[in-house]
Amino acid sequence: MQQTVIGVSVVGFSDVERHALNTIFRLSQERDLTYAPWMPLSAPGVTPPLGEAPVLLVDGDSAEAVMVQVRETLPPGQRLIWIGDDPPHHAWRVQQRPIDWAALLQDLDAVFAAHRVDSGLLDLDITEPAPLGPGLDLDLSGAIVVARRALVVGASADEAVYLKTRLALAAVPAMDVAHDMATAHALITDHQYCCGIFNLDAAGLDSWGLIGHFVRSQPQALTLAVSELAGPLGGWWRRRRLRRDAARHGIGALLPRPLQPPEVSRWLDLL
């Protein structure tokens, strides 16, 4: 299938937030629907893009945001996603900080459905910046579906941000994170998951016990485990023993830490 590319004009944001946005843009290249920064000024000899970016993503705390606020309207077909307080009346989606990157990706996906509405290919009202309801989402065709969830146990802050973004790209918009046994057990009891990702190196967690409970309670889910011992530093014998234990516990795949995007993508693309 041919890729559909949606240009995003980015206004403001910190270096850290722009890095996260670039990660979303880069990871989206693995999908049929992709995002790319809108470049109004191109290099010499390169034809600049025509018209306006389909998406205007604005940091409401930036100085440049004032210029967007004073506008009465936007160019035809452009959607404004506003991050922060005091959004203008013509904002299409509004988020507060800290930015929910998975929710932002859903908003970007909704732009595609909105353009289909504008073109008459889809009969659906998705103009209101409000959730459809608990556990509900829109797929790329505009159909209402039950949002899928993933459970991540014992991940570091950086790993959690990456996994949430990558899961969103795999059409898993909801992710729960647990760092202790009680929280993990409660989440496994209260929710149905399509995927569970467990850090075997997390201190203070009986990761193997949690994995066993998860596999028994959620037999339909993909179970992944990550560990430094699964990488080159683990040594041949340790890796062999770890793989044997993983197979015994019903783990679908054992991935090395630090997380390797190609390996993670290989398995999450199965969801």
C-alpha atoms as a PDB file:
ATOM      1  CA  MET A   1       0.000   0.000   0.000  1.00  0.00           C
ATOM      2  CA  GLN A   2       1.229   3.462  -0.844  1.00  0.00           C
ATOM      3  CA  GLN A   3       2.167   5.633   2.116  1.00  0.00           C
ATOM      4  CA  THR A   4       0.090   8.689   2.994  1.00  0.00           C
ATOM      5  CA  VAL A   5       2.281  11.499   4.352  1.00  0.00           C
ATOM      6  CA  ILE A   6       0.810  14.254   6.539  1.00  0.00           C
ATOM      7  CA  GLY A   7       2.918  17.370   7.002  1.00  0.00           C
ATOM      8  CA  VAL A   8       3.092  18.900  10.488  1.00  0.00           C
ATOM      9  CA  SER A   9       4.123  22.526  11.024  1.00  0.00           C
ATOM     10  CA  VAL A  10       5.682  22.729  14.506  1.00  0.00           C
ATOM     11  CA  VAL A  11       5.705  26.023  16.429  1.00  0.00           C
ATOM     12  CA  GLY A  12       7.730  26.303  19.643  1.00  0.00           C
ATOM     13  CA  PHE A  13       8.492  23.393  22.038  1.00  0.00           C
ATOM     14  CA  SER A  14      11.618  22.580  24.013  1.00  0.00           C
ATOM     15  CA  ASP A  15      14.560  20.625  22.657  1.00  0.00           C
ATOM     16  CA  VAL A  16      13.422  17.539  24.601  1.00  0.00           C
ATOM     17  CA  GLU A  17       9.872  17.798  23.225  1.00  0.00           C
ATOM     18  CA  ARG A  18      11.146  18.321  19.674  1.00  0.00           C
ATOM     19  CA  HIS A  19      13.306  15.223  20.082  1.00  0.00           C
ATOM     20  CA  ALA A  20      10.189  13.263  21.080  1.00  0.00           C
ATOM     21  CA  LEU A  21       8.313  14.671  18.073  1.00  0.00           C
ATOM     22  CA  ASN A  22      11.147  13.669  15.754  1.00  0.00           C
ATOM     23  CA  THR A  23      10.950  10.175  17.257  1.00  0.00           C
ATOM     24  CA  ILE A  24       7.242  10.013  16.423  1.00  0.00           C
ATOM     25  CA  PHE A  25       7.924  11.209  12.877  1.00  0.00           C
ATOM     26  CA  ARG A  26      10.715   8.679  12.433  1.00  0.00           C
ATOM     27  CA  LEU A  27       8.781   5.726  13.849  1.00  0.00           C
ATOM     28  CA  SER A  28       5.717   6.597  11.779  1.00  0.00           C
ATOM     29  CA  GLN A  29       7.718   5.814   8.629  1.00  0.00           C
ATOM     30  CA  GLU A  30       7.048   2.147   9.418  1.00  0.00           C
ATOM     31  CA  ARG A  31       3.302   2.652   8.816  1.00  0.00           C
ATOM     32  CA  ASP A  32       1.108   3.368   5.797  1.00  0.00           C
ATOM     33  CA  LEU A  33       0.080   6.656   7.432  1.00  0.00           C
ATOM     34  CA  THR A  34       3.194   8.702   8.188  1.00  0.00           C
ATOM     35  CA  TYR A  35       4.061  12.155   9.509  1.00  0.00           C
ATOM     36  CA  ALA A  36       6.833  14.519   8.532  1.00  0.00           C
ATOM     37  CA  PRO A  37       7.828  18.062   9.545  1.00  0.00           C
ATOM     38  CA  TRP A  38       6.489  20.691   7.161  1.00  0.00           C
ATOM     39  CA  MET A  39       9.327  22.566   5.522  1.00  0.00           C
ATOM     40  CA  PRO A  40       8.128  25.940   4.145  1.00  0.00           C
ATOM     41  CA  LEU A  41      11.710  26.871   3.203  1.00  0.00           C
ATOM     42  CA  SER A  42      13.555  24.307   1.096  1.00  0.00           C
ATOM     43  CA  ALA A  43      17.119  24.028  -0.065  1.00  0.00           C
ATOM     44  CA  PRO A  44      18.136  25.721  -3.343  1.00  0.00           C
ATOM     45  CA  GLY A  45      16.876  23.780  -6.327  1.00  0.00           C
ATOM     46  CA  VAL A  46      14.208  21.935  -4.308  1.00  0.00           C
ATOM     47  CA  THR A  47      10.580  22.764  -4.972  1.00  0.00           C
ATOM     48  CA  PRO A  48       8.924  23.977  -1.753  1.00  0.00           C
ATOM     49  CA  PRO A  49       5.617  22.388  -0.703  1.00  0.00           C
ATOM     50  CA  LEU A  50       2.480  24.122  -1.936  1.00  0.00           C
ATOM     51  CA  GLY A  51      -0.202  25.530   0.340  1.00  0.00           C
ATOM     52  CA  GLU A  52      -0.296  25.076   4.104  1.00  0.00           C
ATOM     53  CA  ALA A  53       0.580  22.134   6.335  1.00  0.00           C
ATOM     54  CA  PRO A  54      -2.445  19.927   7.101  1.00  0.00           C
ATOM     55  CA  VAL A  55      -1.507  20.136  10.803  1.00  0.00           C
ATOM     56  CA  LEU A  56      -0.367  23.149  12.819  1.00  0.00           C
ATOM     57  CA  LEU A  57       1.101  21.936  16.131  1.00  0.00           C
ATOM     58  CA  VAL A  58       1.612  24.855  18.517  1.00  0.00           C
ATOM     59  CA  ASP A  59       3.302  25.173  21.896  1.00  0.00           C
ATOM     60  CA  GLY A  60       0.908  27.530  23.677  1.00  0.00           C
ATOM     61  CA  ASP A  61       3.689  28.694  26.023  1.00  0.00           C
ATOM     62  CA  SER A  62       5.934  29.891  23.203  1.00  0.00           C
ATOM     63  CA  ALA A  63       6.260  33.484  22.037  1.00  0.00           C
ATOM     64  CA  GLU A  64       5.270  32.484  18.511  1.00  0.00           C
ATOM     65  CA  ALA A  65       1.918  31.189  19.790  1.00  0.00           C
ATOM     66  CA  VAL A  66       0.625  34.768  20.024  1.00  0.00           C
ATOM     67  CA  MET A  67       0.563  35.017  16.241  1.00  0.00           C
ATOM     68  CA  VAL A  68      -1.649  31.933  16.074  1.00  0.00           C
ATOM     69  CA  GLN A  69      -3.968  33.211  18.810  1.00  0.00           C
ATOM     70  CA  VAL A  70      -4.709  36.481  17.021  1.00  0.00           C
ATOM     71  CA  ARG A  71      -5.783  34.724  13.841  1.00  0.00           C
ATOM     72  CA  GLU A  72      -9.525  34.578  13.361  1.00  0.00           C
ATOM     73  CA  THR A  73      -9.432  31.547  11.094  1.00  0.00           C
ATOM     74  CA  LEU A  74      -7.042  28.957   9.700  1.00  0.00           C
ATOM     75  CA  PRO A  75      -6.357  28.155   6.050  1.00  0.00           C
ATOM     76  CA  PRO A  76      -8.975  25.761   4.610  1.00  0.00           C
ATOM     77  CA  GLY A  77      -8.334  22.171   5.652  1.00  0.00           C
ATOM     78  CA  GLN A  78      -5.702  22.970   8.297  1.00  0.00           C
ATOM     79  CA  ARG A  79      -6.144  21.570  11.820  1.00  0.00           C
ATOM     80  CA  LEU A  80      -4.668  23.298  14.876  1.00  0.00           C
ATOM     81  CA  ILE A  81      -3.447  21.114  17.754  1.00  0.00           C
ATOM     82  CA  TRP A  82      -2.691  23.324  20.761  1.00  0.00           C
ATOM     83  CA  ILE A  83      -0.470  22.269  23.671  1.00  0.00           C
ATOM     84  CA  GLY A  84      -0.970  24.349  26.808  1.00  0.00           C
ATOM     85  CA  ASP A  85      -3.395  26.872  28.306  1.00  0.00           C
ATOM     86  CA  ASP A  86      -5.552  29.584  26.681  1.00  0.00           C
ATOM     87  CA  PRO A  87      -6.224  27.868  23.350  1.00  0.00           C
ATOM     88  CA  PRO A  88      -7.811  29.983  20.609  1.00  0.00           C
ATOM     89  CA  HIS A  89     -11.396  29.242  19.625  1.00  0.00           C
ATOM     90  CA  HIS A  90     -10.282  27.663  16.340  1.00  0.00           C
ATOM     91  CA  ALA A  91      -8.113  25.002  18.039  1.00  0.00           C
ATOM     92  CA  TRP A  92      -9.160  21.558  16.826  1.00  0.00           C
ATOM     93  CA  ARG A  93      -7.485  19.543  19.598  1.00  0.00           C
ATOM     94  CA  VAL A  94      -6.108  20.757  22.957  1.00  0.00           C
ATOM     95  CA  GLN A  95      -3.654  19.024  25.302  1.00  0.00           C
ATOM     96  CA  GLN A  96      -2.058  20.034  28.579  1.00  0.00           C
ATOM     97  CA  ARG A  97       1.471  19.303  29.719  1.00  0.00           C
ATOM     98  CA  PRO A  98       3.031  16.855  30.303  1.00  0.00           C
ATOM     99  CA  ILE A  99       2.328  15.873  26.712  1.00  0.00           C
ATOM    100  CA  ASP A 100       0.606  12.530  26.247  1.00  0.00           C
ATOM    101  CA  TRP A 101       2.490  11.377  23.165  1.00  0.00           C
ATOM    102  CA  ALA A 102       0.186   8.442  22.474  1.00  0.00           C
ATOM    103  CA  ALA A 103      -2.848  10.765  22.615  1.00  0.00           C
ATOM    104  CA  LEU A 104      -1.052  13.216  20.324  1.00  0.00           C
ATOM    105  CA  LEU A 105      -0.480  10.421  17.819  1.00  0.00           C
ATOM    106  CA  GLN A 106      -4.206   9.613  17.975  1.00  0.00           C
ATOM    107  CA  ASP A 107      -4.979  13.273  17.243  1.00  0.00           C
ATOM    108  CA  LEU A 108      -2.655  13.183  14.243  1.00  0.00           C
ATOM    109  CA  ASP A 109      -4.343  10.015  12.987  1.00  0.00           C
ATOM    110  CA  ALA A 110      -7.706  11.735  13.397  1.00  0.00           C
ATOM    111  CA  VAL A 111      -6.548  14.431  10.944  1.00  0.00           C
ATOM    112  CA  PHE A 112      -6.532  11.777   8.229  1.00  0.00           C
ATOM    113  CA  ALA A 113     -10.127  10.807   9.077  1.00  0.00           C
ATOM    114  CA  ALA A 114     -11.096  14.499   9.195  1.00  0.00           C
ATOM    115  CA  HIS A 115      -9.780  15.058   5.677  1.00  0.00           C
ATOM    116  CA  ARG A 116     -11.835  12.093   4.528  1.00  0.00           C
ATOM    117  CA  VAL A 117     -14.889  13.721   6.122  1.00  0.00           C
ATOM    118  CA  ASP A 118     -14.095  16.972   4.294  1.00  0.00           C
ATOM    119  CA  SER A 119     -13.830  15.101   1.003  1.00  0.00           C
ATOM    120  CA  GLY A 120     -17.147  13.323   1.533  1.00  0.00           C
ATOM    121  CA  LEU A 121     -15.563   9.872   1.791  1.00  0.00           C
ATOM    122  CA  LEU A 122     -16.574   9.471   5.437  1.00  0.00           C
ATOM    123  CA  ASP A 123     -19.837  10.398   7.170  1.00  0.00           C
ATOM    124  CA  LEU A 124     -18.715  11.053  10.727  1.00  0.00           C
ATOM    125  CA  ASP A 125     -18.449  14.049  13.052  1.00  0.00           C
ATOM    126  CA  ILE A 126     -14.964  14.117  14.584  1.00  0.00           C
ATOM    127  CA  THR A 127     -14.652  17.876  14.895  1.00  0.00           C
ATOM    128  CA  GLU A 128     -15.074  18.041  18.661  1.00  0.00           C
ATOM    129  CA  PRO A 129     -11.882  17.738  20.757  1.00  0.00           C
ATOM    130  CA  ALA A 130     -13.483  15.298  23.184  1.00  0.00           C
ATOM    131  CA  PRO A 131     -12.885  11.596  23.827  1.00  0.00           C
ATOM    132  CA  LEU A 132     -15.408   9.154  22.404  1.00  0.00           C
ATOM    133  CA  GLY A 133     -15.769   7.458  25.777  1.00  0.00           C
ATOM    134  CA  PRO A 134     -13.948   5.081  28.136  1.00  0.00           C
ATOM    135  CA  GLY A 135     -11.838   2.636  26.166  1.00  0.00           C
ATOM    136  CA  LEU A 136     -13.029   3.825  22.756  1.00  0.00           C
ATOM    137  CA  ASP A 137     -11.038   5.157  19.823  1.00  0.00           C
ATOM    138  CA  LEU A 138     -11.203   5.850  16.091  1.00  0.00           C
ATOM    139  CA  ASP A 139      -9.380   3.707  13.592  1.00  0.00           C
ATOM    140  CA  LEU A 140      -8.039   5.221  10.349  1.00  0.00           C
ATOM    141  CA  SER A 141     -11.293   4.512   8.519  1.00  0.00           C
ATOM    142  CA  GLY A 142     -13.244   6.419  11.151  1.00  0.00           C
ATOM    143  CA  ALA A 143     -14.812   3.324  12.732  1.00  0.00           C
ATOM    144  CA  ILE A 144     -15.315   3.253  16.507  1.00  0.00           C
ATOM    145  CA  VAL A 145     -13.319   0.455  18.122  1.00  0.00           C
ATOM    146  CA  VAL A 146     -12.405  -0.664  21.636  1.00  0.00           C
ATOM    147  CA  ALA A 147      -9.003   0.772  22.489  1.00  0.00           C
ATOM    148  CA  ARG A 148      -6.379  -1.899  23.067  1.00  0.00           C
ATOM    149  CA  ARG A 149      -4.152  -1.793  26.147  1.00  0.00           C
ATOM    150  CA  ALA A 150      -0.617  -2.854  26.987  1.00  0.00           C
ATOM    151  CA  LEU A 151       0.966  -3.439  30.386  1.00  0.00           C
ATOM    152  CA  VAL A 152       4.578  -2.402  31.013  1.00  0.00           C
ATOM    153  CA  VAL A 153       6.207  -3.529  34.252  1.00  0.00           C
ATOM    154  CA  GLY A 154       9.479  -2.228  35.692  1.00  0.00           C
ATOM    155  CA  ALA A 155      10.438   0.044  32.779  1.00  0.00           C
ATOM    156  CA  SER A 156      12.633   3.100  33.246  1.00  0.00           C
ATOM    157  CA  ALA A 157      11.195   6.536  32.456  1.00  0.00           C
ATOM    158  CA  ASP A 158      12.966   6.664  29.064  1.00  0.00           C
ATOM    159  CA  GLU A 159      11.863   3.131  28.196  1.00  0.00           C
ATOM    160  CA  ALA A 160       8.259   3.950  29.124  1.00  0.00           C
ATOM    161  CA  VAL A 161       8.205   7.022  26.848  1.00  0.00           C
ATOM    162  CA  TYR A 162       9.648   5.042  23.940  1.00  0.00           C
ATOM    163  CA  LEU A 163       7.322   2.065  24.451  1.00  0.00           C
ATOM    164  CA  LYS A 164       4.234   4.268  24.723  1.00  0.00           C
ATOM    165  CA  THR A 165       5.097   5.938  21.424  1.00  0.00           C
ATOM    166  CA  ARG A 166       5.917   2.640  19.724  1.00  0.00           C
ATOM    167  CA  LEU A 167       2.764   0.947  21.031  1.00  0.00           C
ATOM    168  CA  ALA A 168       0.666   3.842  19.769  1.00  0.00           C
ATOM    169  CA  LEU A 169       2.169   3.312  16.322  1.00  0.00           C
ATOM    170  CA  ALA A 170       1.097  -0.341  16.621  1.00  0.00           C
ATOM    171  CA  ALA A 171      -2.505   0.833  17.250  1.00  0.00           C
ATOM    172  CA  VAL A 172      -2.302   0.220  20.995  1.00  0.00           C
ATOM    173  CA  PRO A 173      -3.182   3.668  22.409  1.00  0.00           C
ATOM    174  CA  ALA A 174      -3.528   2.737  26.092  1.00  0.00           C
ATOM    175  CA  MET A 175      -0.513   1.734  28.199  1.00  0.00           C
ATOM    176  CA  ASP A 176      -0.407   1.073  31.939  1.00  0.00           C
ATOM    177  CA  VAL A 177       2.893   1.162  33.840  1.00  0.00           C
ATOM    178  CA  ALA A 178       3.586  -0.675  37.107  1.00  0.00           C
ATOM    179  CA  HIS A 179       6.680  -0.459  39.309  1.00  0.00           C
ATOM    180  CA  ASP A 180       5.553  -2.640  42.227  1.00  0.00           C
ATOM    181  CA  MET A 181       3.893  -6.008  42.722  1.00  0.00           C
ATOM    182  CA  ALA A 182       0.586  -4.714  44.123  1.00  0.00           C
ATOM    183  CA  THR A 183      -0.005  -2.308  41.239  1.00  0.00           C
ATOM    184  CA  ALA A 184       0.907  -4.917  38.644  1.00  0.00           C
ATOM    185  CA  HIS A 185      -1.428  -7.528  40.157  1.00  0.00           C
ATOM    186  CA  ALA A 186      -4.285  -5.014  40.352  1.00  0.00           C
ATOM    187  CA  LEU A 187      -3.843  -3.943  36.733  1.00  0.00           C
ATOM    188  CA  ILE A 188      -3.738  -7.542  35.491  1.00  0.00           C
ATOM    189  CA  THR A 189      -6.960  -8.236  37.402  1.00  0.00           C
ATOM    190  CA  ASP A 190      -8.786  -5.085  36.284  1.00  0.00           C
ATOM    191  CA  HIS A 191      -7.909  -4.908  32.576  1.00  0.00           C
ATOM    192  CA  GLN A 192      -7.670  -7.023  29.467  1.00  0.00           C
ATOM    193  CA  TYR A 193      -4.372  -6.572  27.620  1.00  0.00           C
ATOM    194  CA  CYS A 194      -3.132  -7.390  24.147  1.00  0.00           C
ATOM    195  CA  CYS A 195       0.506  -7.141  25.260  1.00  0.00           C
ATOM    196  CA  GLY A 196       2.606  -7.302  28.420  1.00  0.00           C
ATOM    197  CA  ILE A 197       6.235  -6.146  28.595  1.00  0.00           C
ATOM    198  CA  PHE A 198       8.252  -7.086  31.689  1.00  0.00           C
ATOM    199  CA  ASN A 199      11.700  -5.906  32.785  1.00  0.00           C
ATOM    200  CA  LEU A 200      13.459  -8.912  34.290  1.00  0.00           C
ATOM    201  CA  ASP A 201      16.180  -6.650  35.721  1.00  0.00           C
ATOM    202  CA  ALA A 202      13.835  -4.487  37.826  1.00  0.00           C
ATOM    203  CA  ALA A 203      14.873  -4.455  41.481  1.00  0.00           C
ATOM    204  CA  GLY A 204      12.261  -5.367  44.067  1.00  0.00           C
ATOM    205  CA  LEU A 205       9.996  -7.178  41.593  1.00  0.00           C
ATOM    206  CA  ASP A 206       9.287 -10.856  41.241  1.00  0.00           C
ATOM    207  CA  SER A 207       9.138 -10.461  37.470  1.00  0.00           C
ATOM    208  CA  TRP A 208       8.955 -14.190  36.806  1.00  0.00           C
ATOM    209  CA  GLY A 209       6.013 -14.563  39.180  1.00  0.00           C
ATOM    210  CA  LEU A 210       4.219 -11.630  37.555  1.00  0.00           C
ATOM    211  CA  ILE A 211       4.830 -13.069  34.098  1.00  0.00           C
ATOM    212  CA  GLY A 212       3.348 -16.398  35.168  1.00  0.00           C
ATOM    213  CA  HIS A 213       0.263 -14.622  36.557  1.00  0.00           C
ATOM    214  CA  PHE A 214      -0.059 -12.522  33.397  1.00  0.00           C
ATOM    215  CA  VAL A 215       0.236 -15.498  31.035  1.00  0.00           C
ATOM    216  CA  ARG A 216      -2.393 -17.449  32.979  1.00  0.00           C
ATOM    217  CA  SER A 217      -4.765 -14.486  33.242  1.00  0.00           C
ATOM    218  CA  GLN A 218      -4.231 -13.094  29.737  1.00  0.00           C
ATOM    219  CA  PRO A 219      -3.577 -16.082  27.447  1.00  0.00           C
ATOM    220  CA  GLN A 220      -4.558 -14.026  24.380  1.00  0.00           C
ATOM    221  CA  ALA A 221      -1.822 -11.426  25.005  1.00  0.00           C
ATOM    222  CA  LEU A 222       1.673 -11.209  23.564  1.00  0.00           C
ATOM    223  CA  THR A 223       4.147 -11.499  26.448  1.00  0.00           C
ATOM    224  CA  LEU A 224       7.590  -9.906  26.056  1.00  0.00           C
ATOM    225  CA  ALA A 225      10.461  -9.789  28.537  1.00  0.00           C
ATOM    226  CA  VAL A 226      13.544  -7.554  28.436  1.00  0.00           C
ATOM    227  CA  SER A 227      16.870  -7.994  30.197  1.00  0.00           C
ATOM    228  CA  GLU A 228      20.490  -6.903  29.929  1.00  0.00           C
ATOM    229  CA  LEU A 229      21.385 -10.600  30.153  1.00  0.00           C
ATOM    230  CA  ALA A 230      19.623 -11.169  26.821  1.00  0.00           C
ATOM    231  CA  GLY A 231      22.236  -8.966  25.099  1.00  0.00           C
ATOM    232  CA  PRO A 232      25.928  -9.533  24.343  1.00  0.00           C
ATOM    233  CA  LEU A 233      26.981  -8.593  27.882  1.00  0.00           C
ATOM    234  CA  GLY A 234      25.001 -11.485  29.299  1.00  0.00           C
ATOM    235  CA  GLY A 235      27.369 -14.143  28.055  1.00  0.00           C
ATOM    236  CA  TRP A 236      26.489 -17.287  26.142  1.00  0.00           C
ATOM    237  CA  TRP A 237      25.574 -19.461  29.123  1.00  0.00           C
ATOM    238  CA  ARG A 238      23.435 -16.835  30.849  1.00  0.00           C
ATOM    239  CA  ARG A 239      21.574 -16.088  27.614  1.00  0.00           C
ATOM    240  CA  ARG A 240      20.930 -19.796  27.058  1.00  0.00           C
ATOM    241  CA  ARG A 241      19.582 -20.288  30.570  1.00  0.00           C
ATOM    242  CA  LEU A 242      17.457 -17.119  30.314  1.00  0.00           C
ATOM    243  CA  ARG A 243      15.935 -18.247  27.018  1.00  0.00           C
ATOM    244  CA  ARG A 244      15.132 -21.640  28.561  1.00  0.00           C
ATOM    245  CA  ASP A 245      13.379 -20.011  31.527  1.00  0.00           C
ATOM    246  CA  ALA A 246      11.527 -17.613  29.195  1.00  0.00           C
ATOM    247  CA  ALA A 247      10.197 -20.489  27.098  1.00  0.00           C
ATOM    248  CA  ARG A 248       9.106 -22.336  30.240  1.00  0.00           C
ATOM    249  CA  HIS A 249       7.120 -19.300  31.437  1.00  0.00           C
ATOM    250  CA  GLY A 250       5.312 -18.804  28.123  1.00  0.00           C
ATOM    251  CA  ILE A 251       7.160 -15.646  27.088  1.00  0.00           C
ATOM    252  CA  GLY A 252       6.730 -14.870  23.394  1.00  0.00           C
ATOM    253  CA  ALA A 253      10.084 -13.127  22.968  1.00  0.00           C
ATOM    254  CA  LEU A 254      13.111 -12.185  25.061  1.00  0.00           C
ATOM    255  CA  LEU A 255      14.593  -8.809  24.077  1.00  0.00           C
ATOM    256  CA  PRO A 256      17.891  -7.199  25.115  1.00  0.00           C
ATOM    257  CA  ARG A 257      18.274  -4.023  27.136  1.00  0.00           C
ATOM    258  CA  PRO A 258      18.950  -1.288  26.183  1.00  0.00           C
ATOM    259  CA  LEU A 259      15.952  -1.682  23.916  1.00  0.00           C
ATOM    260  CA  GLN A 260      16.774  -2.097  20.235  1.00  0.00           C
ATOM    261  CA  PRO A 261      14.102  -0.431  18.031  1.00  0.00           C
ATOM    262  CA  PRO A 262      14.305  -3.016  15.200  1.00  0.00           C
ATOM    263  CA  GLU A 263      13.755  -5.875  17.671  1.00  0.00           C
ATOM    264  CA  VAL A 264      10.929  -4.078  19.461  1.00  0.00           C
ATOM    265  CA  SER A 265       9.255  -3.165  16.155  1.00  0.00           C
ATOM    266  CA  ARG A 266       9.529  -6.743  14.905  1.00  0.00           C
ATOM    267  CA  TRP A 267       7.340  -7.987  17.757  1.00  0.00           C
ATOM    268  CA  LEU A 268       4.990  -5.062  18.319  1.00  0.00           C
ATOM    269  CA  ASP A 269       4.112  -5.086  14.617  1.00  0.00           C
ATOM    270  CA  LEU A 270       2.467  -8.458  15.298  1.00  0.00           C
ATOM    271  CA  LEU A 271      -0.180  -6.813  17.491  1.00  0.00           C
END
